[in-house]
Structures are given as structure tokens and as C-alpha cells.
All heavy atoms as atom14 arrays in JSON, in Angstrom:
{
  "sequence": "LIGYAWSESCTNSATDCTHTSCTDGWEMHCVDAVCTCTQSNNMKCTT",
  "atom14_mask": [
    [1, 1, 1, 1, 1, 1, 1, 1, 0, 0, 0, 0, 0, 0],
    [1, 1, 1, 1, 1, 1, 1, 1, 0, 0, 0, 0, 0, 0],
    [1, 1, 1, 1, 0, 0, 0, 0, 0, 0, 0, 0, 0, 0],
    [1, 1, 1, 1, 1, 1, 1, 1, 1, 1, 1, 1, 0, 0],
    [1, 1, 1, 1, 1, 0, 0, 0, 0, 0, 0, 0, 0, 0],
    [1, 1, 1, 1, 1, 1, 1, 1, 1, 1, 1, 1, 1, 1],
    [1, 1, 1, 1, 1, 1, 0, 0, 0, 0, 0, 0, 0, 0],
    [1, 1, 1, 1, 1, 1, 1, 1, 1, 0, 0, 0, 0, 0],
    [1, 1, 1, 1, 1, 1, 0, 0, 0, 0, 0, 0, 0, 0],
    [1, 1, 1, 1, 1, 1, 0, 0, 0, 0, 0, 0, 0, 0],
    [1, 1, 1, 1, 1, 1, 1, 0, 0, 0, 0, 0, 0, 0],
    [1, 1, 1, 1, 1, 1, 1, 1, 0, 0, 0, 0, 0, 0],
    [1, 1, 1, 1, 1, 1, 0, 0, 0, 0, 0, 0, 0, 0],
    [1, 1, 1, 1, 1, 0, 0, 0, 0, 0, 0, 0, 0, 0],
    [1, 1, 1, 1, 1, 1, 1, 0, 0, 0, 0, 0, 0, 0],
    [1, 1, 1, 1, 1, 1, 1, 1, 0, 0, 0, 0, 0, 0],
    [1, 1, 1, 1, 1, 1, 0, 0, 0, 0, 0, 0, 0, 0],
    [1, 1, 1, 1, 1, 1, 1, 0, 0, 0, 0, 0, 0, 0],
    [1, 1, 1, 1, 1, 1, 1, 1, 1, 1, 0, 0, 0, 0],
    [1, 1, 1, 1, 1, 1, 1, 0, 0, 0, 0, 0, 0, 0],
    [1, 1, 1, 1, 1, 1, 0, 0, 0, 0, 0, 0, 0, 0],
    [1, 1, 1, 1, 1, 1, 0, 0, 0, 0, 0, 0, 0, 0],
    [1, 1, 1, 1, 1, 1, 1, 0, 0, 0, 0, 0, 0, 0],
    [1, 1, 1, 1, 1, 1, 1, 1, 0, 0, 0, 0, 0, 0],
    [1, 1, 1, 1, 0, 0, 0, 0, 0, 0, 0, 0, 0, 0],
    [1, 1, 1, 1, 1, 1, 1, 1, 1, 1, 1, 1, 1, 1],
    [1, 1, 1, 1, 1, 1, 1, 1, 1, 0, 0, 0, 0, 0],
    [1, 1, 1, 1, 1, 1, 1, 1, 0, 0, 0, 0, 0, 0],
    [1, 1, 1, 1, 1, 1, 1, 1, 1, 1, 0, 0, 0, 0],
    [1, 1, 1, 1, 1, 1, 0, 0, 0, 0, 0, 0, 0, 0],
    [1, 1, 1, 1, 1, 1, 1, 0, 0, 0, 0, 0, 0, 0],
    [1, 1, 1, 1, 1, 1, 1, 1, 0, 0, 0, 0, 0, 0],
    [1, 1, 1, 1, 1, 0, 0, 0, 0, 0, 0, 0, 0, 0],
    [1, 1, 1, 1, 1, 1, 1, 0, 0, 0, 0, 0, 0, 0],
    [1, 1, 1, 1, 1, 1, 0, 0, 0, 0, 0, 0, 0, 0],
    [1, 1, 1, 1, 1, 1, 1, 0, 0, 0, 0, 0, 0, 0],
    [1, 1, 1, 1, 1, 1, 0, 0, 0, 0, 0, 0, 0, 0],
    [1, 1, 1, 1, 1, 1, 1, 0, 0, 0, 0, 0, 0, 0],
    [1, 1, 1, 1, 1, 1, 1, 1, 1, 0, 0, 0, 0, 0],
    [1, 1, 1, 1, 1, 1, 0, 0, 0, 0, 0, 0, 0, 0],
    [1, 1, 1, 1, 1, 1, 1, 1, 0, 0, 0, 0, 0, 0],
    [1, 1, 1, 1, 1, 1, 1, 1, 0, 0, 0, 0, 0, 0],
    [1, 1, 1, 1, 1, 1, 1, 1, 0, 0, 0, 0, 0, 0],
    [1, 1, 1, 1, 1, 1, 1, 1, 1, 0, 0, 0, 0, 0],
    [1, 1, 1, 1, 1, 1, 0, 0, 0, 0, 0, 0, 0, 0],
    [1, 1, 1, 1, 1, 1, 1, 0, 0, 0, 0, 0, 0, 0],
    [1, 1, 1, 1, 1, 1, 1, 0, 0, 0, 0, 0, 0, 0]
  ],
  "atom14_positions": [
    [[-93.16, 11.85, 58.67], [-93.29, 11.96, 57.22], [-91.95, 11.82, 56.51], [-91.86, 11.16, 55.46], [-93.95, 13.29, 56.84], [-95.41, 13.43, 57.21], [-95.92, 14.84, 56.93], [-96.24, 12.41, 56.46], [0.0, 0.0, 0.0], [0.0, 0.0, 0.0], [0.0, 0.0, 0.0], [0.0, 0.0, 0.0], [0.0, 0.0, 0.0], [0.0, 0.0, 0.0]],
    [[-90.91, 12.38, 57.07], [-89.58, 12.25, 56.5], [-89.14, 10.79, 56.56], [-88.6, 10.26, 55.58], [-88.57, 13.17, 57.21], [-88.88, 14.63, 56.88], [-87.13, 12.82, 56.83], [-88.1, 15.64, 57.7], [0.0, 0.0, 0.0], [0.0, 0.0, 0.0], [0.0, 0.0, 0.0], [0.0, 0.0, 0.0], [0.0, 0.0, 0.0], [0.0, 0.0, 0.0]],
    [[-89.36, 10.14, 57.68], [-89.02, 8.72, 57.82], [-89.77, 7.85, 56.83], [-89.22, 6.94, 56.23], [0.0, 0.0, 0.0], [0.0, 0.0, 0.0], [0.0, 0.0, 0.0], [0.0, 0.0, 0.0], [0.0, 0.0, 0.0], [0.0, 0.0, 0.0], [0.0, 0.0, 0.0], [0.0, 0.0, 0.0], [0.0, 0.0, 0.0], [0.0, 0.0, 0.0]],
    [[-91.04, 8.15, 56.63], [-91.84, 7.38, 55.66], [-91.3, 7.6, 54.25], [-91.22, 6.64, 53.47], [-93.29, 7.81, 55.75], [-94.17, 7.07, 54.77], [-94.56, 5.76, 55.0], [-94.62, 7.69, 53.61], [-95.33, 5.06, 54.11], [-95.41, 7.01, 52.71], [-95.75, 5.7, 52.96], [-96.53, 5.02, 52.07], [0.0, 0.0, 0.0], [0.0, 0.0, 0.0]],
    [[-90.93, 8.82, 53.92], [-90.4, 9.1, 52.58], [-89.08, 8.38, 52.35], [-88.77, 7.97, 51.23], [-90.22, 10.59, 52.4], [0.0, 0.0, 0.0], [0.0, 0.0, 0.0], [0.0, 0.0, 0.0], [0.0, 0.0, 0.0], [0.0, 0.0, 0.0], [0.0, 0.0, 0.0], [0.0, 0.0, 0.0], [0.0, 0.0, 0.0], [0.0, 0.0, 0.0]],
    [[-88.28, 8.22, 53.39], [-87.0, 7.55, 53.25], [-87.07, 6.04, 53.41], [-86.1, 5.34, 53.22], [-86.0, 8.11, 54.25], [-85.36, 9.37, 53.85], [-85.39, 9.95, 52.61], [-84.61, 10.24, 54.68], [-84.7, 11.14, 52.63], [-84.21, 11.34, 53.9], [-84.25, 10.22, 56.02], [-83.46, 12.38, 54.39], [-83.5, 11.27, 56.51], [-83.11, 12.33, 55.7]],
    [[-88.24, 5.53, 53.81], [-88.34, 4.08, 54.01], [-88.12, 3.35, 52.7], [-88.34, 3.89, 51.62], [-89.71, 3.72, 54.58], [-90.72, 4.01, 53.64], [0.0, 0.0, 0.0], [0.0, 0.0, 0.0], [0.0, 0.0, 0.0], [0.0, 0.0, 0.0], [0.0, 0.0, 0.0], [0.0, 0.0, 0.0], [0.0, 0.0, 0.0], [0.0, 0.0, 0.0]],
    [[-87.64, 2.13, 52.82], [-87.25, 1.37, 51.65], [-88.49, 0.81, 50.96], [-89.27, 0.08, 51.54], [-86.34, 0.24, 52.08], [-85.62, -0.4, 50.96], [-84.48, -1.28, 51.44], [-84.49, -1.71, 52.59], [-83.59, -1.52, 50.64], [0.0, 0.0, 0.0], [0.0, 0.0, 0.0], [0.0, 0.0, 0.0], [0.0, 0.0, 0.0], [0.0, 0.0, 0.0]],
    [[-88.7, 1.18, 49.71], [-89.8, 0.65, 48.93], [-89.23, -0.35, 47.92], [-88.03, -0.39, 47.66], [-90.56, 1.77, 48.21], [-89.72, 2.43, 47.32], [0.0, 0.0, 0.0], [0.0, 0.0, 0.0], [0.0, 0.0, 0.0], [0.0, 0.0, 0.0], [0.0, 0.0, 0.0], [0.0, 0.0, 0.0], [0.0, 0.0, 0.0], [0.0, 0.0, 0.0]],
    [[-90.11, -1.18, 47.34], [-89.6, -2.24, 46.48], [-90.59, -2.65, 45.41], [-91.79, -2.36, 45.49], [-89.27, -3.46, 47.34], [-90.7, -4.12, 48.24], [0.0, 0.0, 0.0], [0.0, 0.0, 0.0], [0.0, 0.0, 0.0], [0.0, 0.0, 0.0], [0.0, 0.0, 0.0], [0.0, 0.0, 0.0], [0.0, 0.0, 0.0], [0.0, 0.0, 0.0]],
    [[-90.07, -3.32, 44.43], [-90.86, -4.06, 43.44], [-90.36, -5.49, 43.38], [-91.06, -6.38, 42.95], [-90.77, -3.42, 42.03], [-89.4, -3.35, 41.65], [-91.4, -2.05, 42.01], [0.0, 0.0, 0.0], [0.0, 0.0, 0.0], [0.0, 0.0, 0.0], [0.0, 0.0, 0.0], [0.0, 0.0, 0.0], [0.0, 0.0, 0.0], [0.0, 0.0, 0.0]],
    [[-89.12, -5.72, 43.84], [-88.5, -7.03, 43.86], [-87.7, -7.14, 45.15], [-86.7, -6.45, 45.34], [-87.6, -7.2, 42.64], [-86.92, -8.55, 42.59], [-86.67, -9.16, 43.63], [-86.61, -8.99, 41.4], [0.0, 0.0, 0.0], [0.0, 0.0, 0.0], [0.0, 0.0, 0.0], [0.0, 0.0, 0.0], [0.0, 0.0, 0.0], [0.0, 0.0, 0.0]],
    [[-88.11, -8.04, 46.05], [-87.46, -8.14, 47.35], [-86.01, -8.61, 47.26], [-85.18, -8.27, 48.09], [-88.23, -9.06, 48.28], [-88.31, -10.37, 47.74], [0.0, 0.0, 0.0], [0.0, 0.0, 0.0], [0.0, 0.0, 0.0], [0.0, 0.0, 0.0], [0.0, 0.0, 0.0], [0.0, 0.0, 0.0], [0.0, 0.0, 0.0], [0.0, 0.0, 0.0]],
    [[-85.67, -9.34, 46.19], [-84.3, -9.85, 46.07], [-83.3, -8.75, 45.73], [-82.14, -8.82, 46.12], [-84.25, -10.94, 45.01], [0.0, 0.0, 0.0], [0.0, 0.0, 0.0], [0.0, 0.0, 0.0], [0.0, 0.0, 0.0], [0.0, 0.0, 0.0], [0.0, 0.0, 0.0], [0.0, 0.0, 0.0], [0.0, 0.0, 0.0], [0.0, 0.0, 0.0]],
    [[-83.76, -7.73, 45.02], [-82.83, -6.68, 44.61], [-83.07, -5.32, 45.27], [-82.15, -4.53, 45.38], [-82.9, -6.49, 43.08], [-84.24, -6.15, 42.71], [-82.46, -7.74, 42.34], [0.0, 0.0, 0.0], [0.0, 0.0, 0.0], [0.0, 0.0, 0.0], [0.0, 0.0, 0.0], [0.0, 0.0, 0.0], [0.0, 0.0, 0.0], [0.0, 0.0, 0.0]],
    [[-84.29, -5.06, 45.73], [-84.62, -3.72, 46.24], [-84.53, -3.6, 47.76], [-84.54, -2.49, 48.27], [-86.04, -3.34, 45.82], [-86.2, -3.22, 44.32], [-85.15, -3.04, 43.64], [-87.33, -3.28, 43.84], [0.0, 0.0, 0.0], [0.0, 0.0, 0.0], [0.0, 0.0, 0.0], [0.0, 0.0, 0.0], [0.0, 0.0, 0.0], [0.0, 0.0, 0.0]],
    [[-84.43, -4.68, 48.48], [-84.5, -4.62, 49.95], [-83.13, -4.82, 50.59], [-82.97, -5.6, 51.52], [-85.49, -5.65, 50.44], [-87.16, -5.37, 49.85], [0.0, 0.0, 0.0], [0.0, 0.0, 0.0], [0.0, 0.0, 0.0], [0.0, 0.0, 0.0], [0.0, 0.0, 0.0], [0.0, 0.0, 0.0], [0.0, 0.0, 0.0], [0.0, 0.0, 0.0]],
    [[-82.15, -4.12, 50.11], [-80.79, -4.32, 50.59], [-80.54, -3.77, 51.99], [-79.65, -4.21, 52.67], [-79.77, -3.7, 49.63], [-80.07, -2.3, 49.49], [-79.84, -4.38, 48.26], [0.0, 0.0, 0.0], [0.0, 0.0, 0.0], [0.0, 0.0, 0.0], [0.0, 0.0, 0.0], [0.0, 0.0, 0.0], [0.0, 0.0, 0.0], [0.0, 0.0, 0.0]],
    [[-81.35, -2.8, 52.43], [-81.13, -2.17, 53.73], [-82.06, -2.72, 54.81], [-82.06, -2.25, 55.93], [-81.3, -0.66, 53.63], [-80.25, -0.03, 52.79], [-80.41, 0.23, 51.47], [-78.98, 0.38, 53.08], [-79.32, 0.77, 50.97], [-78.44, 0.87, 51.94], [0.0, 0.0, 0.0], [0.0, 0.0, 0.0], [0.0, 0.0, 0.0], [0.0, 0.0, 0.0]],
    [[-82.86, -3.69, 54.45], [-83.79, -4.3, 55.4], [-83.33, -5.71, 55.68], [-82.97, -6.43, 54.78], [-85.23, -4.32, 54.81], [-85.6, -2.99, 54.44], [-86.23, -4.85, 55.81], [0.0, 0.0, 0.0], [0.0, 0.0, 0.0], [0.0, 0.0, 0.0], [0.0, 0.0, 0.0], [0.0, 0.0, 0.0], [0.0, 0.0, 0.0], [0.0, 0.0, 0.0]],
    [[-83.35, -6.11, 56.95], [-82.95, -7.48, 57.29], [-84.01, -8.09, 58.18], [-84.7, -7.41, 58.92], [-81.58, -7.49, 57.97], [-81.64, -6.76, 59.16], [0.0, 0.0, 0.0], [0.0, 0.0, 0.0], [0.0, 0.0, 0.0], [0.0, 0.0, 0.0], [0.0, 0.0, 0.0], [0.0, 0.0, 0.0], [0.0, 0.0, 0.0], [0.0, 0.0, 0.0]],
    [[-84.13, -9.41, 58.1], [-85.1, -10.16, 58.88], [-84.37, -11.09, 59.84], [-83.27, -11.54, 59.56], [-85.99, -11.0, 57.95], [-86.92, -10.03, 56.76], [0.0, 0.0, 0.0], [0.0, 0.0, 0.0], [0.0, 0.0, 0.0], [0.0, 0.0, 0.0], [0.0, 0.0, 0.0], [0.0, 0.0, 0.0], [0.0, 0.0, 0.0], [0.0, 0.0, 0.0]],
    [[-85.0, -11.39, 60.94], [-84.42, -12.32, 61.91], [-84.58, -13.74, 61.42], [-85.31, -14.01, 60.45], [-85.1, -12.16, 63.29], [-86.5, -12.39, 63.13], [-84.89, -10.78, 63.86], [0.0, 0.0, 0.0], [0.0, 0.0, 0.0], [0.0, 0.0, 0.0], [0.0, 0.0, 0.0], [0.0, 0.0, 0.0], [0.0, 0.0, 0.0], [0.0, 0.0, 0.0]],
    [[-83.93, -14.66, 62.08], [-83.99, -16.09, 61.7], [-85.44, -16.56, 61.68], [-86.23, -16.24, 62.56], [-83.2, -16.94, 62.69], [-81.69, -16.73, 62.55], [-81.26, -16.25, 61.47], [-80.98, -17.04, 63.49], [0.0, 0.0, 0.0], [0.0, 0.0, 0.0], [0.0, 0.0, 0.0], [0.0, 0.0, 0.0], [0.0, 0.0, 0.0], [0.0, 0.0, 0.0]],
    [[-85.77, -17.34, 60.68], [-87.11, -17.9, 60.54], [-88.06, -16.99, 59.76], [-89.18, -17.38, 59.51], [0.0, 0.0, 0.0], [0.0, 0.0, 0.0], [0.0, 0.0, 0.0], [0.0, 0.0, 0.0], [0.0, 0.0, 0.0], [0.0, 0.0, 0.0], [0.0, 0.0, 0.0], [0.0, 0.0, 0.0], [0.0, 0.0, 0.0], [0.0, 0.0, 0.0]],
    [[-87.6, -15.81, 59.41], [-88.43, -14.87, 58.65], [-87.79, -14.64, 57.28], [-86.56, -14.73, 57.15], [-88.55, -13.54, 59.39], [-89.35, -13.65, 60.65], [-88.93, -14.21, 61.82], [-90.67, -13.19, 60.86], [-89.92, -14.14, 62.75], [-91.01, -13.51, 62.19], [-91.59, -12.54, 60.07], [-92.24, -13.21, 62.74], [-92.83, -12.24, 60.62], [-93.14, -12.56, 61.93]],
    [[-88.59, -14.33, 56.26], [-88.08, -14.12, 54.92], [-88.51, -12.75, 54.42], [-89.55, -12.23, 54.82], [-88.66, -15.18, 53.96], [-88.28, -16.59, 54.3], [-88.96, -17.6, 53.41], [-89.69, -17.18, 52.48], [-88.81, -18.8, 53.65], [0.0, 0.0, 0.0], [0.0, 0.0, 0.0], [0.0, 0.0, 0.0], [0.0, 0.0, 0.0], [0.0, 0.0, 0.0]],
    [[-87.7, -12.17, 53.53], [-87.99, -10.87, 52.96], [-88.94, -10.99, 51.77], [-88.72, -11.83, 50.89], [-86.69, -10.2, 52.49], [-86.89, -8.81, 51.93], [-87.45, -7.65, 53.16], [-86.1, -7.75, 54.32], [0.0, 0.0, 0.0], [0.0, 0.0, 0.0], [0.0, 0.0, 0.0], [0.0, 0.0, 0.0], [0.0, 0.0, 0.0], [0.0, 0.0, 0.0]],
    [[-90.0, -10.19, 51.75], [-90.91, -10.11, 50.63], [-91.32, -8.67, 50.41], [-91.26, -7.86, 51.32], [-92.16, -10.98, 50.87], [-91.91, -12.42, 50.74], [-91.58, -13.2, 51.83], [-91.9, -13.24, 49.68], [-91.4, -14.44, 51.42], [-91.58, -14.48, 50.13], [0.0, 0.0, 0.0], [0.0, 0.0, 0.0], [0.0, 0.0, 0.0], [0.0, 0.0, 0.0]],
    [[-91.73, -8.4, 49.2], [-92.22, -7.08, 48.85], [-93.74, -7.12, 48.98], [-94.42, -7.76, 48.19], [-91.77, -6.73, 47.42], [-92.06, -5.03, 46.99], [0.0, 0.0, 0.0], [0.0, 0.0, 0.0], [0.0, 0.0, 0.0], [0.0, 0.0, 0.0], [0.0, 0.0, 0.0], [0.0, 0.0, 0.0], [0.0, 0.0, 0.0], [0.0, 0.0, 0.0]],
    [[-94.29, -6.44, 49.99], [-95.73, -6.43, 50.23], [-96.21, -4.98, 50.1], [-95.8, -4.12, 50.86], [-96.07, -6.99, 51.63], [-97.56, -6.92, 51.9], [-95.56, -8.41, 51.78], [0.0, 0.0, 0.0], [0.0, 0.0, 0.0], [0.0, 0.0, 0.0], [0.0, 0.0, 0.0], [0.0, 0.0, 0.0], [0.0, 0.0, 0.0], [0.0, 0.0, 0.0]],
    [[-97.1, -4.74, 49.15], [-97.62, -3.4, 48.9], [-96.49, -2.39, 48.72], [-96.53, -1.27, 49.26], [-98.56, -2.94, 50.02], [-99.79, -3.84, 50.13], [-100.24, -4.35, 49.09], [-100.29, -4.02, 51.25], [0.0, 0.0, 0.0], [0.0, 0.0, 0.0], [0.0, 0.0, 0.0], [0.0, 0.0, 0.0], [0.0, 0.0, 0.0], [0.0, 0.0, 0.0]],
    [[-95.44, -2.78, 47.99], [-94.29, -1.93, 47.64], [-93.43, -1.57, 48.86], [-92.66, -0.64, 48.8], [-94.72, -0.69, 46.9], [0.0, 0.0, 0.0], [0.0, 0.0, 0.0], [0.0, 0.0, 0.0], [0.0, 0.0, 0.0], [0.0, 0.0, 0.0], [0.0, 0.0, 0.0], [0.0, 0.0, 0.0], [0.0, 0.0, 0.0], [0.0, 0.0, 0.0]],
    [[-93.55, -2.33, 49.93], [-92.73, -2.1, 51.13], [-91.98, -3.38, 51.47], [-92.58, -4.47, 51.51], [-93.62, -1.67, 52.33], [-92.79, -1.49, 53.59], [-94.35, -0.37, 52.0], [0.0, 0.0, 0.0], [0.0, 0.0, 0.0], [0.0, 0.0, 0.0], [0.0, 0.0, 0.0], [0.0, 0.0, 0.0], [0.0, 0.0, 0.0], [0.0, 0.0, 0.0]],
    [[-90.68, -3.28, 51.71], [-89.88, -4.43, 52.14], [-90.42, -4.9, 53.47], [-90.5, -4.14, 54.43], [-88.42, -4.04, 52.26], [-87.68, -3.51, 50.7], [0.0, 0.0, 0.0], [0.0, 0.0, 0.0], [0.0, 0.0, 0.0], [0.0, 0.0, 0.0], [0.0, 0.0, 0.0], [0.0, 0.0, 0.0], [0.0, 0.0, 0.0], [0.0, 0.0, 0.0]],
    [[-90.82, -6.19, 53.53], [-91.51, -6.71, 54.7], [-90.99, -8.09, 55.07], [-90.81, -8.93, 54.2], [-93.03, -6.84, 54.4], [-93.51, -5.57, 53.93], [-93.81, -7.26, 55.62], [0.0, 0.0, 0.0], [0.0, 0.0, 0.0], [0.0, 0.0, 0.0], [0.0, 0.0, 0.0], [0.0, 0.0, 0.0], [0.0, 0.0, 0.0], [0.0, 0.0, 0.0]],
    [[-90.74, -8.31, 56.34], [-90.37, -9.64, 56.82], [-91.64, -10.45, 57.01], [-92.6, -9.98, 57.61], [-89.61, -9.53, 58.13], [-88.03, -8.68, 57.98], [0.0, 0.0, 0.0], [0.0, 0.0, 0.0], [0.0, 0.0, 0.0], [0.0, 0.0, 0.0], [0.0, 0.0, 0.0], [0.0, 0.0, 0.0], [0.0, 0.0, 0.0], [0.0, 0.0, 0.0]],
    [[-91.63, -11.68, 56.47], [-92.81, -12.53, 56.6], [-92.39, -13.9, 57.13], [-91.26, -14.31, 57.0], [-93.51, -12.74, 55.24], [-92.64, -13.44, 54.36], [-93.93, -11.42, 54.63], [0.0, 0.0, 0.0], [0.0, 0.0, 0.0], [0.0, 0.0, 0.0], [0.0, 0.0, 0.0], [0.0, 0.0, 0.0], [0.0, 0.0, 0.0], [0.0, 0.0, 0.0]],
    [[-93.35, -14.57, 57.74], [-93.13, -15.91, 58.25], [-94.16, -16.84, 57.63], [-95.35, -16.54, 57.64], [-93.28, -15.91, 59.77], [-92.86, -17.22, 60.41], [-92.89, -17.1, 61.92], [-93.77, -16.47, 62.47], [-91.95, -17.73, 62.56], [0.0, 0.0, 0.0], [0.0, 0.0, 0.0], [0.0, 0.0, 0.0], [0.0, 0.0, 0.0], [0.0, 0.0, 0.0]],
    [[-93.7, -17.95, 57.08], [-94.61, -18.9, 56.43], [-95.16, -19.87, 57.45], [-94.53, -20.19, 58.43], [-93.85, -19.67, 55.34], [-94.67, -20.65, 54.79], [0.0, 0.0, 0.0], [0.0, 0.0, 0.0], [0.0, 0.0, 0.0], [0.0, 0.0, 0.0], [0.0, 0.0, 0.0], [0.0, 0.0, 0.0], [0.0, 0.0, 0.0], [0.0, 0.0, 0.0]],
    [[-96.36, -20.36, 57.17], [-96.95, -21.41, 58.01], [-97.0, -22.73, 57.25], [-97.61, -23.68, 57.69], [-98.33, -21.01, 58.52], [-99.38, -21.12, 57.44], [-99.09, -21.15, 56.25], [-100.62, -21.22, 57.84], [0.0, 0.0, 0.0], [0.0, 0.0, 0.0], [0.0, 0.0, 0.0], [0.0, 0.0, 0.0], [0.0, 0.0, 0.0], [0.0, 0.0, 0.0]],
    [[-96.38, -22.79, 56.08], [-96.32, -23.98, 55.23], [-97.67, -24.42, 54.71], [-97.88, -25.58, 54.43], [-95.61, -25.12, 55.95], [-94.17, -24.81, 56.21], [-93.5, -24.21, 55.37], [-93.68, -25.18, 57.38], [0.0, 0.0, 0.0], [0.0, 0.0, 0.0], [0.0, 0.0, 0.0], [0.0, 0.0, 0.0], [0.0, 0.0, 0.0], [0.0, 0.0, 0.0]],
    [[-98.61, -23.47, 54.6], [-99.92, -23.77, 54.03], [-100.0, -23.14, 52.66], [-99.71, -21.95, 52.5], [-101.05, -23.23, 54.91], [-101.17, -23.89, 56.26], [-101.6, -25.63, 56.17], [-103.22, -25.56, 55.46], [0.0, 0.0, 0.0], [0.0, 0.0, 0.0], [0.0, 0.0, 0.0], [0.0, 0.0, 0.0], [0.0, 0.0, 0.0], [0.0, 0.0, 0.0]],
    [[-100.37, -23.93, 51.66], [-100.45, -23.41, 50.3], [-101.73, -22.61, 50.11], [-102.72, -22.83, 50.79], [-100.39, -24.55, 49.3], [-99.05, -25.26, 49.31], [-98.95, -26.26, 48.21], [-97.55, -26.87, 48.29], [-97.13, -27.43, 47.06], [0.0, 0.0, 0.0], [0.0, 0.0, 0.0], [0.0, 0.0, 0.0], [0.0, 0.0, 0.0], [0.0, 0.0, 0.0]],
    [[-101.67, -21.64, 49.17], [-102.83, -20.79, 48.91], [-102.81, -20.35, 47.44], [-101.78, -20.36, 46.78], [-102.83, -19.56, 49.81], [-101.35, -18.55, 49.62], [0.0, 0.0, 0.0], [0.0, 0.0, 0.0], [0.0, 0.0, 0.0], [0.0, 0.0, 0.0], [0.0, 0.0, 0.0], [0.0, 0.0, 0.0], [0.0, 0.0, 0.0], [0.0, 0.0, 0.0]],
    [[-103.97, -19.95, 46.98], [-104.07, -19.32, 45.67], [-104.66, -17.93, 45.81], [-104.46, -17.08, 44.95], [-104.94, -20.14, 44.7], [-106.21, -20.39, 45.3], [-104.27, -21.46, 44.35], [0.0, 0.0, 0.0], [0.0, 0.0, 0.0], [0.0, 0.0, 0.0], [0.0, 0.0, 0.0], [0.0, 0.0, 0.0], [0.0, 0.0, 0.0], [0.0, 0.0, 0.0]],
    [[-105.35, -17.69, 46.9], [-105.92, -16.36, 47.18], [-105.74, -16.04, 48.66], [-105.49, -16.93, 49.48], [-107.43, -16.3, 46.86], [-108.12, -17.14, 47.77], [-107.7, -16.7, 45.43], [0.0, 0.0, 0.0], [0.0, 0.0, 0.0], [0.0, 0.0, 0.0], [0.0, 0.0, 0.0], [0.0, 0.0, 0.0], [0.0, 0.0, 0.0], [0.0, 0.0, 0.0]]
  ]
}
């Protein structure tokens, strides 16, 4: 619970995720208010 409370939350991955890093090929995004590393498959979507 303490770790969860201290985990990095975000509204903007460019400014709020300074303590989270992703490995090569992954990008930082804010998913459900949590800094998250994501990998794209180059497929476009709207939903």
C-alpha cells in the first residue's frame, strides 16, 4: 500500500513521468493516471 501510494501518477507523460524510464523500443504514456511504458504496433485506431 505504501508503494502504491508513492507510485508515480500522471496527467501528462511528458511532464509528470520524470522518475519512470522505458527500455529501447518502448514509449512513455499516461494510462489510467499511471506512467506506463507502451509499445506501438503501427496500427491506427480511433477506439
